[in-house]
Amino acid sequence: MTRNMLLIVGLATMLLCPAYGGAEQFATLPPPVTLQQALDLAEGYIKKRGIDLSKHYLNSVRLTHNKNYKDGRAWIVTWELIVPSDGGQYFITVQMDKSVSHGGGR
């Protein structure tokens, strides 16, 4: 197969495979929760829980697709340590129903 053909087959597999959320997940774009709302919800969650991020910086906010999320999609908001070390990142998950949870951190 040519390189272009392999690329097309790979993209089609990602769009149609349930492990990637399946094609049905792209039918309702844009997401019900905007990037700005996700960031606001994540910051509110951190403040409410008293999580100290004074030694961290906001690294990214990205939309992810996963069949385990309620809507098949969620925003992942990531804070990284200013001084790199093992662990210490905070990952805040904001689902499309506006529920928020976190992982990581020390």
N, C-alpha and C. Protein backbone atom coordinates (compact mmCIF):
# COMPACT_ATOMS: atom_id res chain seq x y z
N MET A 1 0.83 -1.18 0.00
CA MET A 1 0.00 0.00 0.00
C MET A 1 0.88 1.25 0.00
N THR A 2 0.36 2.28 -0.57
CA THR A 2 1.08 3.53 -0.56
C THR A 2 0.94 4.18 0.81
N ARG A 3 1.79 5.14 1.05
CA ARG A 3 1.77 5.85 2.34
C ARG A 3 0.42 6.55 2.55
N ASN A 4 -0.11 7.19 1.49
CA ASN A 4 -1.41 7.88 1.62
C ASN A 4 -2.53 6.90 1.94
N MET A 5 -2.50 5.74 1.32
CA MET A 5 -3.54 4.74 1.57
C MET A 5 -3.48 4.26 3.03
N LEU A 6 -2.27 4.05 3.55
CA LEU A 6 -2.12 3.64 4.95
C LEU A 6 -2.65 4.73 5.89
N LEU A 7 -2.40 5.97 5.55
CA LEU A 7 -2.89 7.08 6.36
C LEU A 7 -4.42 7.10 6.38
N ILE A 8 -5.04 6.92 5.24
CA ILE A 8 -6.50 6.92 5.14
C ILE A 8 -7.09 5.75 5.93
N VAL A 9 -6.50 4.58 5.81
CA VAL A 9 -6.98 3.41 6.55
C VAL A 9 -6.84 3.64 8.05
N GLY A 10 -5.72 4.22 8.48
CA GLY A 10 -5.51 4.50 9.90
C GLY A 10 -6.52 5.49 10.45
N LEU A 11 -6.78 6.56 9.71
CA LEU A 11 -7.76 7.54 10.16
C LEU A 11 -9.16 6.97 10.21
N ALA A 12 -9.53 6.17 9.21
CA ALA A 12 -10.85 5.55 9.20
C ALA A 12 -11.01 4.61 10.39
N THR A 13 -9.97 3.87 10.72
CA THR A 13 -10.02 2.96 11.87
C THR A 13 -10.23 3.74 13.16
N MET A 14 -9.52 4.86 13.32
CA MET A 14 -9.68 5.67 14.54
C MET A 14 -11.09 6.22 14.66
N LEU A 15 -11.67 6.66 13.55
CA LEU A 15 -13.00 7.26 13.59
C LEU A 15 -14.10 6.25 13.85
N LEU A 16 -13.91 5.03 13.39
CA LEU A 16 -14.97 4.03 13.48
C LEU A 16 -14.80 3.06 14.64
N CYS A 17 -13.64 3.00 15.23
CA CYS A 17 -13.36 2.03 16.29
C CYS A 17 -13.98 2.49 17.61
N PRO A 18 -14.76 1.66 18.29
CA PRO A 18 -15.37 2.04 19.57
C PRO A 18 -14.36 2.45 20.64
N ALA A 19 -13.15 1.92 20.59
CA ALA A 19 -12.13 2.28 21.58
C ALA A 19 -11.77 3.76 21.49
N TYR A 20 -11.97 4.36 20.34
CA TYR A 20 -11.69 5.78 20.16
C TYR A 20 -12.96 6.61 20.28
N GLY A 21 -14.04 6.03 20.72
CA GLY A 21 -15.28 6.76 20.90
C GLY A 21 -16.24 6.54 19.75
N GLY A 22 -15.75 6.03 18.62
CA GLY A 22 -16.62 5.75 17.48
C GLY A 22 -17.04 6.99 16.73
N ALA A 23 -17.49 6.81 15.52
CA ALA A 23 -17.88 7.93 14.67
C ALA A 23 -19.04 8.72 15.25
N GLU A 24 -19.91 8.06 16.03
CA GLU A 24 -21.08 8.75 16.57
C GLU A 24 -20.68 9.89 17.50
N GLN A 25 -19.48 9.85 18.07
CA GLN A 25 -19.04 10.89 18.98
C GLN A 25 -18.78 12.20 18.25
N PHE A 26 -18.50 12.14 16.97
CA PHE A 26 -18.19 13.35 16.23
C PHE A 26 -19.44 14.02 15.68
N ALA A 27 -20.58 13.35 15.77
CA ALA A 27 -21.82 13.87 15.22
C ALA A 27 -22.36 15.04 16.04
N THR A 28 -21.97 15.14 17.32
CA THR A 28 -22.52 16.18 18.19
C THR A 28 -21.53 17.30 18.47
N LEU A 29 -20.48 17.40 17.67
CA LEU A 29 -19.53 18.49 17.89
C LEU A 29 -20.19 19.82 17.59
N PRO A 30 -19.89 20.88 18.23
CA PRO A 30 -18.91 21.06 19.28
C PRO A 30 -19.38 20.47 20.61
N PRO A 31 -18.44 20.29 21.54
CA PRO A 31 -18.82 19.70 22.82
C PRO A 31 -19.76 20.62 23.60
N PRO A 32 -20.67 20.04 24.40
CA PRO A 32 -21.61 20.83 25.20
C PRO A 32 -20.92 21.74 26.21
N VAL A 33 -19.76 21.35 26.69
CA VAL A 33 -18.98 22.16 27.62
C VAL A 33 -17.81 22.75 26.82
N THR A 34 -17.72 24.07 26.79
CA THR A 34 -16.64 24.71 26.04
C THR A 34 -15.32 24.59 26.79
N LEU A 35 -14.24 24.88 26.10
CA LEU A 35 -12.92 24.86 26.72
C LEU A 35 -12.89 25.84 27.90
N GLN A 36 -13.42 27.04 27.72
CA GLN A 36 -13.42 28.04 28.80
C GLN A 36 -14.24 27.56 29.99
N GLN A 37 -15.40 26.94 29.74
CA GLN A 37 -16.21 26.41 30.84
C GLN A 37 -15.46 25.30 31.57
N ALA A 38 -14.78 24.44 30.82
CA ALA A 38 -14.01 23.35 31.43
C ALA A 38 -12.92 23.91 32.34
N LEU A 39 -12.22 24.93 31.86
CA LEU A 39 -11.18 25.54 32.68
C LEU A 39 -11.77 26.19 33.92
N ASP A 40 -12.88 26.89 33.78
CA ASP A 40 -13.54 27.51 34.93
C ASP A 40 -13.99 26.46 35.95
N LEU A 41 -14.57 25.37 35.46
CA LEU A 41 -15.01 24.29 36.35
C LEU A 41 -13.82 23.64 37.06
N ALA A 42 -12.73 23.43 36.35
CA ALA A 42 -11.53 22.83 36.94
C ALA A 42 -10.95 23.75 38.02
N GLU A 43 -10.87 25.04 37.72
CA GLU A 43 -10.34 25.98 38.71
C GLU A 43 -11.25 26.07 39.94
N GLY A 44 -12.56 26.04 39.73
CA GLY A 44 -13.50 26.04 40.85
C GLY A 44 -13.35 24.79 41.71
N TYR A 45 -13.15 23.65 41.07
CA TYR A 45 -12.95 22.37 41.76
C TYR A 45 -11.71 22.44 42.64
N ILE A 46 -10.63 22.96 42.08
CA ILE A 46 -9.37 23.06 42.82
C ILE A 46 -9.52 24.00 44.02
N LYS A 47 -10.16 25.12 43.81
CA LYS A 47 -10.37 26.09 44.90
C LYS A 47 -11.24 25.48 46.00
N LYS A 48 -12.33 24.84 45.61
CA LYS A 48 -13.26 24.24 46.58
C LYS A 48 -12.59 23.16 47.42
N ARG A 49 -11.68 22.42 46.82
CA ARG A 49 -11.00 21.32 47.52
C ARG A 49 -9.72 21.78 48.22
N GLY A 50 -9.35 23.04 48.05
CA GLY A 50 -8.16 23.56 48.71
C GLY A 50 -6.87 22.96 48.20
N ILE A 51 -6.82 22.58 46.95
CA ILE A 51 -5.61 21.99 46.36
C ILE A 51 -4.63 23.13 46.09
N ASP A 52 -3.41 22.99 46.60
CA ASP A 52 -2.38 24.02 46.45
C ASP A 52 -1.62 23.81 45.14
N LEU A 53 -1.82 24.72 44.20
CA LEU A 53 -1.11 24.65 42.92
C LEU A 53 -0.10 25.78 42.77
N SER A 54 0.36 26.33 43.90
CA SER A 54 1.30 27.45 43.85
C SER A 54 2.63 27.05 43.23
N LYS A 55 2.95 25.76 43.21
CA LYS A 55 4.21 25.29 42.61
C LYS A 55 3.97 24.66 41.25
N HIS A 56 2.81 24.93 40.66
CA HIS A 56 2.43 24.35 39.37
C HIS A 56 2.09 25.44 38.37
N TYR A 57 2.04 25.07 37.12
CA TYR A 57 1.54 25.96 36.07
C TYR A 57 0.56 25.18 35.21
N LEU A 58 -0.37 25.89 34.60
CA LEU A 58 -1.34 25.27 33.71
C LEU A 58 -0.60 24.85 32.44
N ASN A 59 -0.59 23.56 32.17
CA ASN A 59 0.14 23.03 31.01
C ASN A 59 -0.75 22.84 29.80
N SER A 60 -1.97 22.32 30.01
CA SER A 60 -2.81 22.06 28.84
C SER A 60 -4.27 21.85 29.23
N VAL A 61 -5.13 22.09 28.24
CA VAL A 61 -6.54 21.74 28.32
C VAL A 61 -6.85 21.06 27.00
N ARG A 62 -7.23 19.79 27.06
CA ARG A 62 -7.47 19.08 25.80
C ARG A 62 -8.74 18.25 25.87
N LEU A 63 -9.38 18.15 24.73
CA LEU A 63 -10.59 17.34 24.61
C LEU A 63 -10.18 15.92 24.25
N THR A 64 -10.64 14.97 25.04
CA THR A 64 -10.30 13.57 24.78
C THR A 64 -11.56 12.77 24.50
N HIS A 65 -11.40 11.70 23.76
CA HIS A 65 -12.50 10.80 23.43
C HIS A 65 -12.22 9.44 24.06
N ASN A 66 -13.20 8.92 24.77
CA ASN A 66 -13.06 7.63 25.42
C ASN A 66 -14.45 7.11 25.72
N LYS A 67 -14.72 5.88 25.37
CA LYS A 67 -16.06 5.32 25.58
C LYS A 67 -16.43 5.21 27.05
N ASN A 68 -15.45 5.33 27.95
CA ASN A 68 -15.74 5.25 29.38
C ASN A 68 -16.28 6.55 29.96
N TYR A 69 -16.16 7.65 29.23
CA TYR A 69 -16.74 8.91 29.67
C TYR A 69 -18.24 8.88 29.39
N LYS A 70 -19.00 9.61 30.19
CA LYS A 70 -20.47 9.58 30.06
C LYS A 70 -20.94 9.98 28.67
N ASP A 71 -20.32 10.98 28.07
CA ASP A 71 -20.69 11.46 26.74
C ASP A 71 -19.73 10.93 25.68
N GLY A 72 -18.74 10.15 26.10
CA GLY A 72 -17.71 9.68 25.18
C GLY A 72 -16.58 10.67 25.02
N ARG A 73 -16.73 11.84 25.65
CA ARG A 73 -15.70 12.88 25.58
C ARG A 73 -15.56 13.55 26.94
N ALA A 74 -14.40 14.12 27.18
CA ALA A 74 -14.17 14.90 28.39
C ALA A 74 -12.98 15.81 28.15
N TRP A 75 -12.94 16.89 28.90
CA TRP A 75 -11.79 17.77 28.90
C TRP A 75 -10.82 17.31 29.98
N ILE A 76 -9.54 17.28 29.67
CA ILE A 76 -8.50 16.99 30.66
C ILE A 76 -7.69 18.27 30.83
N VAL A 77 -7.71 18.80 32.05
CA VAL A 77 -6.97 20.02 32.37
C VAL A 77 -5.77 19.58 33.20
N THR A 78 -4.57 19.95 32.75
CA THR A 78 -3.34 19.45 33.37
C THR A 78 -2.50 20.59 33.92
N TRP A 79 -2.13 20.47 35.20
CA TRP A 79 -1.17 21.38 35.82
C TRP A 79 0.10 20.58 36.08
N GLU A 80 1.24 21.14 35.71
CA GLU A 80 2.56 20.52 35.89
C GLU A 80 3.34 21.29 36.96
N LEU A 81 4.27 20.58 37.58
CA LEU A 81 5.17 21.25 38.54
C LEU A 81 6.08 22.22 37.81
N ILE A 82 6.35 23.36 38.42
CA ILE A 82 7.29 24.33 37.84
C ILE A 82 8.69 23.73 37.82
N VAL A 83 9.09 23.10 38.91
CA VAL A 83 10.38 22.40 38.98
C VAL A 83 10.09 20.92 38.71
N PRO A 84 10.55 20.41 37.57
CA PRO A 84 10.22 19.03 37.19
C PRO A 84 10.68 18.00 38.22
N SER A 85 9.81 17.01 38.46
CA SER A 85 10.14 15.84 39.28
C SER A 85 9.15 14.75 38.93
N ASP A 86 9.38 13.56 39.44
CA ASP A 86 8.44 12.47 39.18
C ASP A 86 7.13 12.75 39.90
N GLY A 87 6.04 12.58 39.18
CA GLY A 87 4.72 12.81 39.78
C GLY A 87 4.48 14.29 39.97
N GLY A 88 3.46 14.59 40.72
CA GLY A 88 3.17 15.97 41.03
C GLY A 88 2.24 16.67 40.06
N GLN A 89 1.91 16.02 38.94
CA GLN A 89 0.95 16.63 38.03
C GLN A 89 -0.45 16.46 38.58
N TYR A 90 -1.30 17.41 38.25
CA TYR A 90 -2.72 17.28 38.56
C TYR A 90 -3.48 17.20 37.25
N PHE A 91 -4.33 16.19 37.15
CA PHE A 91 -5.16 15.99 35.98
C PHE A 91 -6.61 16.14 36.43
N ILE A 92 -7.26 17.17 35.96
CA ILE A 92 -8.66 17.42 36.30
C ILE A 92 -9.49 17.02 35.10
N THR A 93 -10.45 16.12 35.31
CA THR A 93 -11.33 15.66 34.23
C THR A 93 -12.67 16.36 34.36
N VAL A 94 -13.08 17.01 33.28
CA VAL A 94 -14.38 17.69 33.24
C VAL A 94 -15.22 17.00 32.16
N GLN A 95 -16.27 16.31 32.61
CA GLN A 95 -17.13 15.61 31.66
C GLN A 95 -18.20 16.55 31.12
N MET A 96 -18.89 16.10 30.09
CA MET A 96 -19.85 16.95 29.39
C MET A 96 -21.12 17.23 30.21
N ASP A 97 -21.31 16.51 31.32
CA ASP A 97 -22.42 16.83 32.23
C ASP A 97 -21.95 17.77 33.34
N LYS A 98 -20.71 18.28 33.20
CA LYS A 98 -20.07 19.22 34.12
C LYS A 98 -19.62 18.59 35.43
N SER A 99 -19.60 17.26 35.49
CA SER A 99 -19.02 16.61 36.67
C SER A 99 -17.49 16.70 36.55
N VAL A 100 -16.84 16.83 37.71
CA VAL A 100 -15.40 17.06 37.74
C VAL A 100 -14.76 16.07 38.71
N SER A 101 -13.61 15.57 38.34
CA SER A 101 -12.83 14.68 39.20
C SER A 101 -11.35 14.94 38.94
N HIS A 102 -10.48 14.39 39.80
CA HIS A 102 -9.06 14.59 39.56
C HIS A 102 -8.25 13.36 39.87
N GLY A 103 -7.05 13.36 39.31
CA GLY A 103 -6.07 12.31 39.55
C GLY A 103 -4.71 12.95 39.59
N GLY A 104 -3.73 12.18 40.06
CA GLY A 104 -2.38 12.70 40.13
C GLY A 104 -2.17 13.53 41.38
N GLY A 105 -1.04 14.22 41.40
CA GLY A 105 -0.73 15.07 42.55
C GLY A 105 -0.08 14.30 43.66
N ARG A 106 0.54 15.04 44.57
CA ARG A 106 1.18 14.44 45.75
C ARG A 106 0.97 15.32 46.95
